[in-house]
Amino acid sequence: MSALLDLYSDGEPNPSAARVAEVAGVSERSVFRYFDDMEDLASAAVELQWDRVKPLYLDLDSTGDFETRLQSIVNHRIRLHESIAGVFKVATMTAIRRPSVALAVEQRRQYLRSQTTQQFASETDRCGDAPVRRVIIDHILSLENIDYLRSSAGLSQVKLREVLATAVKLALRP
C-alpha cells in the first residue's frame, strides 16, 4: 500500500503490479498474496492515505469573526493541498478507472464542502441566493482550484492566500 502511495505521490497514476512490487521490494506474486487485484490494492491504499492525512482535514479553526475564519480556512486549504497534492492529483485521475478511489475522492470533497458551508454559514444564510454562493465558495476553496492556481497560474503562497481570500469576499458581496 505504501509503495502504491509513493508512486502516486511521484505522479505515477497507473502503476503496474510489477512496478508496485519493485518499489515495495517484493515479488509481484507477493503483492497478490495480500490483495485480490489492483482495485483491492488501490482501495487499501486509499484507506491508508486517509489514516495518514485525516488530522490535516480536521484541524480547521471555525471560531472568531469573518476575517479570522476566512484566513483560517484559506490557510487550512493551502496546508492541506501542499501535504497531499501528489496523491490528490493521481487520485482524481485514477478515480475514473477505480471505483474505490472515486468514492474516497468524493467523500473528501463532501467533507471539505461541509466545512466550507459551516465556516461561512452566518454570511451565506443572509443571502437570498445562499445555495449558489455556497457552491461558488466551495469551488474557490476546492483543492482542484488551489492546484490550478499553484501549478497553472503559478501563484506563490502569498499571492494564493490573497486571491482565495479576495474571491471569497467577492462571492459574499451583497
Protein backbone atom coordinates (compact mmCIF):
# COMPACT_ATOMS: atom_id res chain seq x y z
CA MET A 1 0.00 0.00 0.00
CA SER A 2 2.75 2.45 0.92
CA ALA A 3 4.56 1.66 -2.32
CA LEU A 4 1.45 2.48 -4.33
CA LEU A 5 1.01 5.75 -2.43
CA ASP A 6 4.67 6.59 -3.02
CA LEU A 7 4.17 6.04 -6.74
CA TYR A 8 1.04 8.20 -6.69
CA SER A 9 2.97 10.93 -4.86
CA ASP A 10 5.63 10.77 -7.55
CA GLY A 11 2.97 11.31 -10.20
CA GLU A 12 2.53 7.75 -11.50
CA PRO A 13 -1.25 7.47 -11.91
CA ASN A 14 -1.50 3.87 -13.06
CA PRO A 15 1.48 1.82 -11.95
CA SER A 16 1.51 -1.87 -12.77
CA ALA A 17 1.64 -4.57 -10.14
CA ALA A 18 5.24 -5.19 -11.21
CA ARG A 19 6.11 -1.53 -10.58
CA VAL A 20 4.41 -1.58 -7.15
CA ALA A 21 6.29 -4.76 -6.27
CA GLU A 22 9.58 -3.21 -7.39
CA VAL A 23 9.09 -0.14 -5.19
CA ALA A 24 7.93 -2.29 -2.27
CA GLY A 25 10.93 -4.57 -2.66
CA VAL A 26 8.82 -7.70 -3.01
CA SER A 27 7.86 -10.03 -5.82
CA GLU A 28 4.79 -9.32 -7.93
CA ARG A 29 3.35 -12.56 -6.65
CA SER A 30 3.68 -11.22 -3.08
CA VAL A 31 1.52 -8.22 -3.98
CA PHE A 32 -1.31 -10.53 -4.95
CA ARG A 33 -0.85 -12.70 -1.88
CA TYR A 34 -2.33 -9.82 0.11
CA PHE A 35 -4.64 -8.23 -2.47
CA ASP A 36 -7.10 -9.78 -4.90
CA ASP A 37 -6.32 -7.32 -7.68
CA MET A 38 -5.09 -3.77 -8.30
CA GLU A 39 -8.52 -2.36 -7.35
CA ASP A 40 -8.26 -4.07 -3.97
CA LEU A 41 -4.74 -2.66 -3.52
CA ALA A 42 -5.89 0.83 -4.53
CA SER A 43 -8.77 0.63 -2.08
CA ALA A 44 -6.43 -0.36 0.76
CA ALA A 45 -4.00 2.42 -0.22
CA VAL A 46 -6.83 4.97 -0.14
CA GLU A 47 -7.70 3.88 3.39
CA LEU A 48 -4.07 4.11 4.46
CA GLN A 49 -3.79 7.57 2.94
CA TRP A 50 -6.94 8.67 4.77
CA ASP A 51 -5.48 7.45 8.06
CA ARG A 52 -2.33 9.44 7.33
CA VAL A 53 -4.00 12.71 6.34
CA LYS A 54 -7.22 12.74 8.35
CA PRO A 55 -5.75 15.08 11.01
CA LEU A 56 -4.99 17.60 8.24
CA TYR A 57 -8.67 17.69 7.30
CA LEU A 58 -9.80 18.13 10.88
CA ASP A 59 -7.59 20.96 12.09
CA LEU A 60 -9.76 23.84 10.86
CA ASP A 61 -10.49 26.58 13.40
CA SER A 62 -14.06 27.79 12.87
CA THR A 63 -14.19 30.40 15.64
CA GLY A 64 -13.89 34.16 15.52
CA ASP A 65 -15.09 36.91 13.27
CA PHE A 66 -15.40 36.61 9.50
CA GLU A 67 -11.85 37.73 8.74
CA THR A 68 -10.39 35.25 11.25
CA ARG A 69 -12.50 32.38 9.89
CA LEU A 70 -11.60 33.35 6.32
CA GLN A 71 -7.87 33.35 7.00
CA SER A 72 -8.20 30.11 8.93
CA ILE A 73 -9.87 28.21 6.09
CA VAL A 74 -7.59 29.69 3.43
CA ASN A 75 -4.51 28.65 5.41
CA HIS A 76 -6.08 25.26 6.14
CA ARG A 77 -6.75 24.51 2.48
CA ILE A 78 -3.30 25.62 1.34
CA ARG A 79 -1.63 23.45 4.01
CA LEU A 80 -3.83 20.52 3.09
CA HIS A 81 -3.09 20.92 -0.62
CA GLU A 82 0.65 21.11 -0.04
CA SER A 83 0.56 17.98 2.09
CA ILE A 84 -1.45 15.79 -0.28
CA ALA A 85 -1.01 17.37 -3.74
CA GLY A 86 0.78 14.44 -5.41
CA VAL A 87 -1.59 11.75 -4.20
CA PHE A 88 -4.59 14.04 -4.73
CA LYS A 89 -3.75 14.67 -8.40
CA VAL A 90 -3.30 10.99 -9.09
CA ALA A 91 -6.41 10.07 -7.11
CA THR A 92 -8.58 12.41 -9.19
CA MET A 93 -7.16 10.93 -12.40
CA THR A 94 -7.40 7.36 -11.10
CA ALA A 95 -10.97 7.84 -9.90
CA ILE A 96 -12.15 7.40 -13.49
CA ARG A 97 -10.94 3.80 -13.53
CA ARG A 98 -11.11 2.78 -9.88
CA PRO A 99 -14.49 2.95 -8.09
CA SER A 100 -12.94 2.77 -4.62
CA VAL A 101 -10.74 5.77 -5.37
CA ALA A 102 -13.67 7.66 -6.89
CA LEU A 103 -15.71 7.07 -3.75
CA ALA A 104 -12.87 8.23 -1.50
CA VAL A 105 -12.28 11.38 -3.58
CA GLU A 106 -15.98 12.25 -3.45
CA GLN A 107 -16.16 11.63 0.31
CA ARG A 108 -13.22 14.02 0.87
CA ARG A 109 -14.83 16.64 -1.37
CA GLN A 110 -18.09 16.35 0.57
CA TYR A 111 -16.24 16.72 3.85
CA LEU A 112 -14.46 19.88 2.66
CA ARG A 113 -17.73 21.21 1.21
CA SER A 114 -19.40 20.72 4.58
CA GLN A 115 -16.54 22.54 6.30
CA THR A 116 -16.85 25.46 3.91
CA THR A 117 -20.60 25.66 4.38
CA GLN A 118 -20.22 25.70 8.17
CA GLN A 119 -17.35 28.19 8.10
CA PHE A 120 -19.45 30.80 6.29
CA ALA A 121 -23.00 29.84 7.32
CA SER A 122 -23.76 33.16 9.00
CA GLU A 123 -22.66 35.08 5.90
CA THR A 124 -24.33 32.91 3.24
CA ASP A 125 -27.55 32.47 5.21
CA ARG A 126 -28.18 36.21 4.86
CA CYS A 127 -28.09 35.95 1.07
CA GLY A 128 -31.22 35.25 -0.95
CA ASP A 129 -29.15 33.05 -3.24
CA ALA A 130 -27.31 31.22 -0.44
CA PRO A 131 -27.11 27.83 -2.24
CA VAL A 132 -25.45 29.43 -5.25
CA ARG A 133 -22.96 31.32 -3.11
CA ARG A 134 -22.10 28.15 -1.18
CA VAL A 135 -21.26 26.39 -4.44
CA ILE A 136 -19.12 29.31 -5.57
CA ILE A 137 -17.20 29.43 -2.30
CA ASP A 138 -16.81 25.66 -2.31
CA HIS A 139 -15.24 25.91 -5.76
CA ILE A 140 -12.97 28.79 -4.77
CA LEU A 141 -11.60 26.80 -1.82
CA SER A 142 -11.52 23.41 -3.56
CA LEU A 143 -8.27 21.51 -3.81
CA GLU A 144 -8.75 21.40 -7.58
CA ASN A 145 -8.88 25.18 -7.77
CA ILE A 146 -5.92 25.58 -5.43
CA ASP A 147 -3.97 23.13 -7.57
CA TYR A 148 -4.82 25.12 -10.69
CA LEU A 149 -3.80 28.40 -9.09
CA ARG A 150 -0.50 26.94 -7.85
CA SER A 151 0.53 24.92 -10.89
CA SER A 152 -1.14 26.53 -13.90
CA ALA A 153 -1.39 30.13 -12.76
CA GLY A 154 1.93 29.88 -10.92
CA LEU A 155 0.82 31.78 -7.84
CA SER A 156 3.13 31.97 -4.86
CA GLN A 157 1.75 31.01 -1.46
CA VAL A 158 1.37 34.67 -0.52
CA LYS A 159 -0.45 35.54 -3.73
CA LEU A 160 -2.57 32.40 -3.48
CA ARG A 161 -3.76 33.43 0.01
CA GLU A 162 -4.63 36.87 -1.31
CA VAL A 163 -6.51 35.53 -4.35
CA LEU A 164 -8.52 32.98 -2.36
CA ALA A 165 -9.48 35.46 0.37
CA THR A 166 -10.44 38.12 -2.17
CA ALA A 167 -12.52 35.66 -4.20
CA VAL A 168 -14.46 34.52 -1.13
CA LYS A 169 -15.11 38.14 -0.13
CA LEU A 170 -16.35 38.91 -3.65
CA ALA A 171 -18.60 35.84 -3.57
CA LEU A 172 -20.20 37.12 -0.38
CA ARG A 173 -20.79 40.70 -1.51
CA PRO A 174 -24.42 41.80 -1.50
